[in-house]
Amino acid sequence: MSRHATSLRPLFGLGRALLASLAVGTLVAACAGNPAALSDIRYDLGPIEAQPAPPSLPPLKVLEVSAPATLDSDGILYRIGNAQRESRYANSRWSMSPARLLTSRLRTSLSARATVLSGGDAVPAPMLKVELTQFEQVFDNSESSSGVLAARATLMQGGKVIAQRSFIARAPASSQDAAGGAAALRAASDDFAGQIGAWLSVQAFAGTP
């Protein structure tokens, strides 16, 4: 047997163990309740927890978050280790696409420190554009996973880019299933929104009345 085949054994073993664990968890849940009710579970990001009053910002246009096709559907994605293939839970979904969920989260979070406008508003104001590139539950092994969010933010004013930065937010999952993944991604989304707010507060436009 080649060294390459031997090196793949741990990854395949992890994949089989994790998939078996997910299958058993689904079976137990179905036996414990109504299978029909458990066949289409919907998750959202929940309410935002109260935070200390942040520094105020001038009015800001927050555009709809853009995302690739895989993140423009309601599937809850997960990935095993560093595998190049992502999968989605069969019986659990988001209430709307991750891009739309994050748009709502950002606008709600930033509204605590600024007047948040949409891209269509005629008021001249700085414009925030966010491109979501990752929003998934990543398994390190069958007993550990995290919700991982990656995105790039661009701040524009007067048609010119005045700042741009890539962000990554990660939060541990309390359970190795869709519910744990959804809760971890909620925490990662709140972390991301906080990072965005802190980043905006140090930009030159932040001192504009």
C-alpha atoms as a PDB file:
ATOM      1  CA  MET A   1       0.000   0.000   0.000  1.00  0.00           C
ATOM      2  CA  SER A   2       1.321   3.499  -0.875  1.00  0.00           C
ATOM      3  CA  ARG A   3       2.231   6.132   1.678  1.00  0.00           C
ATOM      4  CA  HIS A   4      -0.491   8.378   0.181  1.00  0.00           C
ATOM      5  CA  ALA A   5      -3.211   5.813   0.797  1.00  0.00           C
ATOM      6  CA  THR A   6      -1.937   5.233   4.318  1.00  0.00           C
ATOM      7  CA  SER A   7      -1.988   8.969   5.097  1.00  0.00           C
ATOM      8  CA  LEU A   8      -5.638   9.223   4.050  1.00  0.00           C
ATOM      9  CA  ARG A   9      -6.787   6.556   6.521  1.00  0.00           C
ATOM     10  CA  PRO A  10      -7.198   8.940   9.511  1.00  0.00           C
ATOM     11  CA  LEU A  11      -9.278  11.393   7.447  1.00  0.00           C
ATOM     12  CA  PHE A  12     -11.536   8.667   6.076  1.00  0.00           C
ATOM     13  CA  GLY A  13     -11.859   7.184   9.553  1.00  0.00           C
ATOM     14  CA  LEU A  14     -12.827  10.565  10.985  1.00  0.00           C
ATOM     15  CA  GLY A  15     -15.375  11.091   8.231  1.00  0.00           C
ATOM     16  CA  ARG A  16     -16.985   7.679   8.769  1.00  0.00           C
ATOM     17  CA  ALA A  17     -17.069   8.111  12.550  1.00  0.00           C
ATOM     18  CA  LEU A  18     -18.575  11.585  12.338  1.00  0.00           C
ATOM     19  CA  LEU A  19     -21.207  10.647   9.780  1.00  0.00           C
ATOM     20  CA  ALA A  20     -22.157   7.618  11.866  1.00  0.00           C
ATOM     21  CA  SER A  21     -22.463   9.835  14.939  1.00  0.00           C
ATOM     22  CA  LEU A  22     -24.682  12.307  13.076  1.00  0.00           C
ATOM     23  CA  ALA A  23     -26.858   9.480  11.777  1.00  0.00           C
ATOM     24  CA  VAL A  24     -27.312   7.986  15.251  1.00  0.00           C
ATOM     25  CA  GLY A  25     -28.194  11.396  16.683  1.00  0.00           C
ATOM     26  CA  THR A  26     -30.833  11.915  14.016  1.00  0.00           C
ATOM     27  CA  LEU A  27     -32.311   8.464  14.627  1.00  0.00           C
ATOM     28  CA  VAL A  28     -32.530   9.012  18.395  1.00  0.00           C
ATOM     29  CA  ALA A  29     -34.206  12.391  17.895  1.00  0.00           C
ATOM     30  CA  ALA A  30     -36.751  10.900  15.509  1.00  0.00           C
ATOM     31  CA  CYS A  31     -37.580   8.125  17.973  1.00  0.00           C
ATOM     32  CA  ALA A  32     -38.001  10.620  20.810  1.00  0.00           C
ATOM     33  CA  GLY A  33     -40.558  12.796  19.049  1.00  0.00           C
ATOM     34  CA  ASN A  34     -42.714  13.195  15.997  1.00  0.00           C
ATOM     35  CA  PRO A  35     -40.575  12.291  12.941  1.00  0.00           C
ATOM     36  CA  ALA A  36     -42.658  14.555  10.703  1.00  0.00           C
ATOM     37  CA  ALA A  37     -42.046  17.542  12.982  1.00  0.00           C
ATOM     38  CA  LEU A  38     -38.323  16.794  13.115  1.00  0.00           C
ATOM     39  CA  SER A  39     -37.883  16.500   9.357  1.00  0.00           C
ATOM     40  CA  ASP A  40     -37.704  20.251   8.687  1.00  0.00           C
ATOM     41  CA  ILE A  41     -36.204  22.121  11.635  1.00  0.00           C
ATOM     42  CA  ARG A  42     -35.579  25.825  10.997  1.00  0.00           C
ATOM     43  CA  TYR A  43     -33.003  27.990  12.758  1.00  0.00           C
ATOM     44  CA  ASP A  44     -32.298  31.715  12.825  1.00  0.00           C
ATOM     45  CA  LEU A  45     -29.764  33.844  14.709  1.00  0.00           C
ATOM     46  CA  GLY A  46     -32.106  34.713  17.580  1.00  0.00           C
ATOM     47  CA  PRO A  47     -32.297  38.070  19.380  1.00  0.00           C
ATOM     48  CA  ILE A  48     -29.203  40.186  19.927  1.00  0.00           C
ATOM     49  CA  GLU A  49     -28.019  40.230  23.526  1.00  0.00           C
ATOM     50  CA  ALA A  50     -27.836  43.603  25.255  1.00  0.00           C
ATOM     51  CA  GLN A  51     -24.415  45.246  24.978  1.00  0.00           C
ATOM     52  CA  PRO A  52     -22.842  48.349  26.584  1.00  0.00           C
ATOM     53  CA  ALA A  53     -23.527  51.517  24.602  1.00  0.00           C
ATOM     54  CA  PRO A  54     -20.839  51.717  21.873  1.00  0.00           C
ATOM     55  CA  PRO A  55     -19.345  54.944  20.462  1.00  0.00           C
ATOM     56  CA  SER A  56     -21.722  56.643  18.048  1.00  0.00           C
ATOM     57  CA  LEU A  57     -21.158  56.737  14.287  1.00  0.00           C
ATOM     58  CA  PRO A  58     -22.538  58.989  11.545  1.00  0.00           C
ATOM     59  CA  PRO A  59     -25.336  57.666   9.294  1.00  0.00           C
ATOM     60  CA  LEU A  60     -24.234  54.598   7.354  1.00  0.00           C
ATOM     61  CA  LYS A  61     -25.617  52.726   4.361  1.00  0.00           C
ATOM     62  CA  VAL A  62     -25.419  48.968   4.954  1.00  0.00           C
ATOM     63  CA  LEU A  63     -25.896  47.063   1.707  1.00  0.00           C
ATOM     64  CA  GLU A  64     -27.321  43.565   1.411  1.00  0.00           C
ATOM     65  CA  VAL A  65     -24.599  41.012   2.201  1.00  0.00           C
ATOM     66  CA  SER A  66     -23.432  39.202  -0.940  1.00  0.00           C
ATOM     67  CA  ALA A  67     -22.432  35.531  -0.971  1.00  0.00           C
ATOM     68  CA  PRO A  68     -21.623  32.647  -3.335  1.00  0.00           C
ATOM     69  CA  ALA A  69     -24.429  30.325  -4.411  1.00  0.00           C
ATOM     70  CA  THR A  70     -23.708  27.814  -1.631  1.00  0.00           C
ATOM     71  CA  LEU A  71     -24.439  30.511   0.969  1.00  0.00           C
ATOM     72  CA  ASP A  72     -27.423  31.941  -0.880  1.00  0.00           C
ATOM     73  CA  SER A  73     -29.713  29.061   0.124  1.00  0.00           C
ATOM     74  CA  ASP A  74     -31.176  27.916   3.451  1.00  0.00           C
ATOM     75  CA  GLY A  75     -28.880  24.888   3.889  1.00  0.00           C
ATOM     76  CA  ILE A  76     -26.841  24.555   7.101  1.00  0.00           C
ATOM     77  CA  LEU A  77     -23.362  23.595   5.949  1.00  0.00           C
ATOM     78  CA  TYR A  78     -20.719  21.571   7.744  1.00  0.00           C
ATOM     79  CA  ARG A  79     -17.218  20.444   6.902  1.00  0.00           C
ATOM     80  CA  ILE A  80     -15.094  17.618   8.316  1.00  0.00           C
ATOM     81  CA  GLY A  81     -11.612  18.861   9.195  1.00  0.00           C
ATOM     82  CA  ASN A  82      -9.753  20.299   6.223  1.00  0.00           C
ATOM     83  CA  ALA A  83     -11.757  18.343   3.683  1.00  0.00           C
ATOM     84  CA  GLN A  84     -12.321  20.174   0.426  1.00  0.00           C
ATOM     85  CA  ARG A  85     -15.949  19.067   0.248  1.00  0.00           C
ATOM     86  CA  GLU A  86     -18.679  20.642   2.352  1.00  0.00           C
ATOM     87  CA  SER A  87     -21.969  18.936   3.195  1.00  0.00           C
ATOM     88  CA  ARG A  88     -25.328  20.099   4.481  1.00  0.00           C
ATOM     89  CA  TYR A  89     -27.708  18.753   7.103  1.00  0.00           C
ATOM     90  CA  ALA A  90     -30.628  16.891   5.546  1.00  0.00           C
ATOM     91  CA  ASN A  91     -33.365  17.797   8.046  1.00  0.00           C
ATOM     92  CA  SER A  92     -32.275  21.181   9.409  1.00  0.00           C
ATOM     93  CA  ARG A  93     -32.227  24.530   7.617  1.00  0.00           C
ATOM     94  CA  TRP A  94     -31.887  28.230   8.187  1.00  0.00           C
ATOM     95  CA  SER A  95     -35.064  30.309   8.211  1.00  0.00           C
ATOM     96  CA  MET A  96     -33.512  32.253   5.306  1.00  0.00           C
ATOM     97  CA  SER A  97     -30.157  32.307   3.533  1.00  0.00           C
ATOM     98  CA  PRO A  98     -27.032  33.065   5.627  1.00  0.00           C
ATOM     99  CA  ALA A  99     -26.479  36.212   3.536  1.00  0.00           C
ATOM    100  CA  ARG A 100     -29.924  37.551   4.461  1.00  0.00           C
ATOM    101  CA  LEU A 101     -29.541  36.506   8.104  1.00  0.00           C
ATOM    102  CA  LEU A 102     -26.218  38.329   8.337  1.00  0.00           C
ATOM    103  CA  THR A 103     -27.615  41.429   6.614  1.00  0.00           C
ATOM    104  CA  SER A 104     -30.337  41.662   9.244  1.00  0.00           C
ATOM    105  CA  ARG A 105     -27.857  40.988  12.054  1.00  0.00           C
ATOM    106  CA  LEU A 106     -25.436  43.672  10.893  1.00  0.00           C
ATOM    107  CA  ARG A 107     -28.126  46.298  10.438  1.00  0.00           C
ATOM    108  CA  THR A 108     -29.631  45.582  13.850  1.00  0.00           C
ATOM    109  CA  SER A 109     -26.248  45.593  15.576  1.00  0.00           C
ATOM    110  CA  LEU A 110     -24.993  48.762  13.877  1.00  0.00           C
ATOM    111  CA  SER A 111     -28.279  50.585  14.489  1.00  0.00           C
ATOM    112  CA  ALA A 112     -27.250  50.761  18.165  1.00  0.00           C
ATOM    113  CA  ARG A 113     -24.518  53.231  17.211  1.00  0.00           C
ATOM    114  CA  ALA A 114     -25.632  54.796  13.907  1.00  0.00           C
ATOM    115  CA  THR A 115     -28.595  55.619  11.729  1.00  0.00           C
ATOM    116  CA  VAL A 116     -28.565  52.652   9.357  1.00  0.00           C
ATOM    117  CA  LEU A 117     -29.733  53.276   5.804  1.00  0.00           C
ATOM    118  CA  SER A 118     -30.242  50.987   2.825  1.00  0.00           C
ATOM    119  CA  GLY A 119     -28.367  51.355  -0.445  1.00  0.00           C
ATOM    120  CA  GLY A 120     -31.442  52.868  -2.076  1.00  0.00           C
ATOM    121  CA  ASP A 121     -31.719  55.810   0.314  1.00  0.00           C
ATOM    122  CA  ALA A 122     -30.953  59.148  -1.352  1.00  0.00           C
ATOM    123  CA  VAL A 123     -29.123  60.484   1.714  1.00  0.00           C
ATOM    124  CA  PRO A 124     -25.368  60.899   1.032  1.00  0.00           C
ATOM    125  CA  ALA A 125     -23.580  58.662   3.520  1.00  0.00           C
ATOM    126  CA  PRO A 126     -20.667  56.213   3.714  1.00  0.00           C
ATOM    127  CA  MET A 127     -21.546  52.774   2.359  1.00  0.00           C
ATOM    128  CA  LEU A 128     -20.639  49.392   3.869  1.00  0.00           C
ATOM    129  CA  LYS A 129     -20.452  46.361   1.585  1.00  0.00           C
ATOM    130  CA  VAL A 130     -19.892  42.853   3.016  1.00  0.00           C
ATOM    131  CA  GLU A 131     -19.022  39.744   1.009  1.00  0.00           C
ATOM    132  CA  LEU A 132     -19.643  36.532   2.954  1.00  0.00           C
ATOM    133  CA  THR A 133     -17.234  33.733   1.970  1.00  0.00           C
ATOM    134  CA  GLN A 134     -17.676  31.139   4.734  1.00  0.00           C
ATOM    135  CA  PHE A 135     -20.542  30.327   7.090  1.00  0.00           C
ATOM    136  CA  GLU A 136     -20.375  26.728   8.257  1.00  0.00           C
ATOM    137  CA  GLN A 137     -19.807  24.295  11.099  1.00  0.00           C
ATOM    138  CA  VAL A 138     -16.281  22.885  10.951  1.00  0.00           C
ATOM    139  CA  PHE A 139     -15.572  19.573  12.717  1.00  0.00           C
ATOM    140  CA  ASP A 140     -12.088  19.030  14.139  1.00  0.00           C
ATOM    141  CA  ASN A 141     -13.150  15.526  15.183  1.00  0.00           C
ATOM    142  CA  SER A 142     -16.315  13.682  16.217  1.00  0.00           C
ATOM    143  CA  GLU A 143     -16.365  15.477  19.593  1.00  0.00           C
ATOM    144  CA  SER A 144     -15.355  19.023  18.656  1.00  0.00           C
ATOM    145  CA  SER A 145     -16.599  21.586  16.135  1.00  0.00           C
ATOM    146  CA  SER A 146     -16.905  25.338  15.674  1.00  0.00           C
ATOM    147  CA  GLY A 147     -19.062  27.792  13.797  1.00  0.00           C
ATOM    148  CA  VAL A 148     -16.821  29.675  11.373  1.00  0.00           C
ATOM    149  CA  LEU A 149     -17.683  32.907   9.547  1.00  0.00           C
ATOM    150  CA  ALA A 150     -15.363  34.600   7.059  1.00  0.00           C
ATOM    151  CA  ALA A 151     -16.123  37.788   5.154  1.00  0.00           C
ATOM    152  CA  ARG A 152     -14.598  40.830   3.506  1.00  0.00           C
ATOM    153  CA  ALA A 153     -15.877  44.316   4.296  1.00  0.00           C
ATOM    154  CA  THR A 154     -15.455  47.350   2.063  1.00  0.00           C
ATOM    155  CA  LEU A 155     -16.211  50.899   3.193  1.00  0.00           C
ATOM    156  CA  MET A 156     -16.932  53.412   0.446  1.00  0.00           C
ATOM    157  CA  GLN A 157     -17.610  57.122   0.410  1.00  0.00           C
ATOM    158  CA  GLY A 158     -18.337  59.281  -2.610  1.00  0.00           C
ATOM    159  CA  GLY A 159     -17.804  56.294  -4.911  1.00  0.00           C
ATOM    160  CA  LYS A 160     -14.286  55.657  -3.580  1.00  0.00           C
ATOM    161  CA  VAL A 161     -12.996  52.821  -1.408  1.00  0.00           C
ATOM    162  CA  ILE A 162     -11.704  54.308   1.843  1.00  0.00           C
ATOM    163  CA  ALA A 163     -11.092  51.066   3.768  1.00  0.00           C
ATOM    164  CA  GLN A 164     -11.217  47.319   3.232  1.00  0.00           C
ATOM    165  CA  ARG A 165     -10.528  44.366   5.509  1.00  0.00           C
ATOM    166  CA  SER A 166     -11.068  40.599   5.788  1.00  0.00           C
ATOM    167  CA  PHE A 167     -12.625  39.202   8.956  1.00  0.00           C
ATOM    168  CA  ILE A 168     -12.862  35.756  10.545  1.00  0.00           C
ATOM    169  CA  ALA A 169     -15.064  34.913  13.519  1.00  0.00           C
ATOM    170  CA  ARG A 170     -15.146  31.521  15.215  1.00  0.00           C
ATOM    171  CA  ALA A 171     -17.165  30.129  18.128  1.00  0.00           C
ATOM    172  CA  PRO A 172     -17.187  26.614  19.647  1.00  0.00           C
ATOM    173  CA  ALA A 173     -20.271  24.421  19.259  1.00  0.00           C
ATOM    174  CA  SER A 174     -21.823  23.024  22.443  1.00  0.00           C
ATOM    175  CA  SER A 175     -23.122  19.943  20.602  1.00  0.00           C
ATOM    176  CA  GLN A 176     -21.988  18.162  17.459  1.00  0.00           C
ATOM    177  CA  ASP A 177     -25.191  18.525  15.461  1.00  0.00           C
ATOM    178  CA  ALA A 178     -27.186  21.124  13.543  1.00  0.00           C
ATOM    179  CA  ALA A 179     -28.480  22.781  16.724  1.00  0.00           C
ATOM    180  CA  GLY A 180     -24.944  23.153  18.060  1.00  0.00           C
ATOM    181  CA  GLY A 181     -23.729  24.450  14.707  1.00  0.00           C
ATOM    182  CA  ALA A 182     -26.541  27.009  14.463  1.00  0.00           C
ATOM    183  CA  ALA A 183     -25.845  28.294  17.984  1.00  0.00           C
ATOM    184  CA  ALA A 184     -22.108  28.527  17.265  1.00  0.00           C
ATOM    185  CA  LEU A 185     -22.751  30.455  14.045  1.00  0.00           C
ATOM    186  CA  ARG A 186     -25.040  32.798  15.942  1.00  0.00           C
ATOM    187  CA  ALA A 187     -22.174  33.544  18.350  1.00  0.00           C
ATOM    188  CA  ALA A 188     -19.741  33.932  15.442  1.00  0.00           C
ATOM    189  CA  SER A 189     -22.155  36.349  13.738  1.00  0.00           C
ATOM    190  CA  ASP A 190     -22.364  38.506  16.857  1.00  0.00           C
ATOM    191  CA  ASP A 191     -18.572  38.464  17.157  1.00  0.00           C
ATOM    192  CA  PHE A 192     -18.301  39.508  13.503  1.00  0.00           C
ATOM    193  CA  ALA A 193     -20.806  42.333  13.962  1.00  0.00           C
ATOM    194  CA  GLY A 194     -18.778  43.550  16.941  1.00  0.00           C
ATOM    195  CA  GLN A 195     -15.566  43.431  14.912  1.00  0.00           C
ATOM    196  CA  ILE A 196     -17.217  45.422  12.125  1.00  0.00           C
ATOM    197  CA  GLY A 197     -18.449  48.046  14.582  1.00  0.00           C
ATOM    198  CA  ALA A 198     -15.004  48.422  16.151  1.00  0.00           C
ATOM    199  CA  TRP A 199     -13.376  48.662  12.708  1.00  0.00           C
ATOM    200  CA  LEU A 200     -15.821  51.337  11.549  1.00  0.00           C
ATOM    201  CA  SER A 201     -15.259  53.388  14.699  1.00  0.00           C
ATOM    202  CA  VAL A 202     -11.576  53.947  13.841  1.00  0.00           C
ATOM    203  CA  GLN A 203     -12.156  54.985  10.229  1.00  0.00           C
ATOM    204  CA  ALA A 204     -11.756  58.612   9.192  1.00  0.00           C
ATOM    205  CA  PHE A 205     -15.468  59.041   8.476  1.00  0.00           C
ATOM    206  CA  ALA A 206     -16.312  58.154  12.106  1.00  0.00           C
ATOM    207  CA  GLY A 207     -15.591  61.731  13.164  1.00  0.00           C
ATOM    208  CA  THR A 208     -18.020  63.139  10.587  1.00  0.00           C
ATOM    209  CA  PRO A 209     -21.072  64.712  12.262  1.00  0.00           C
END
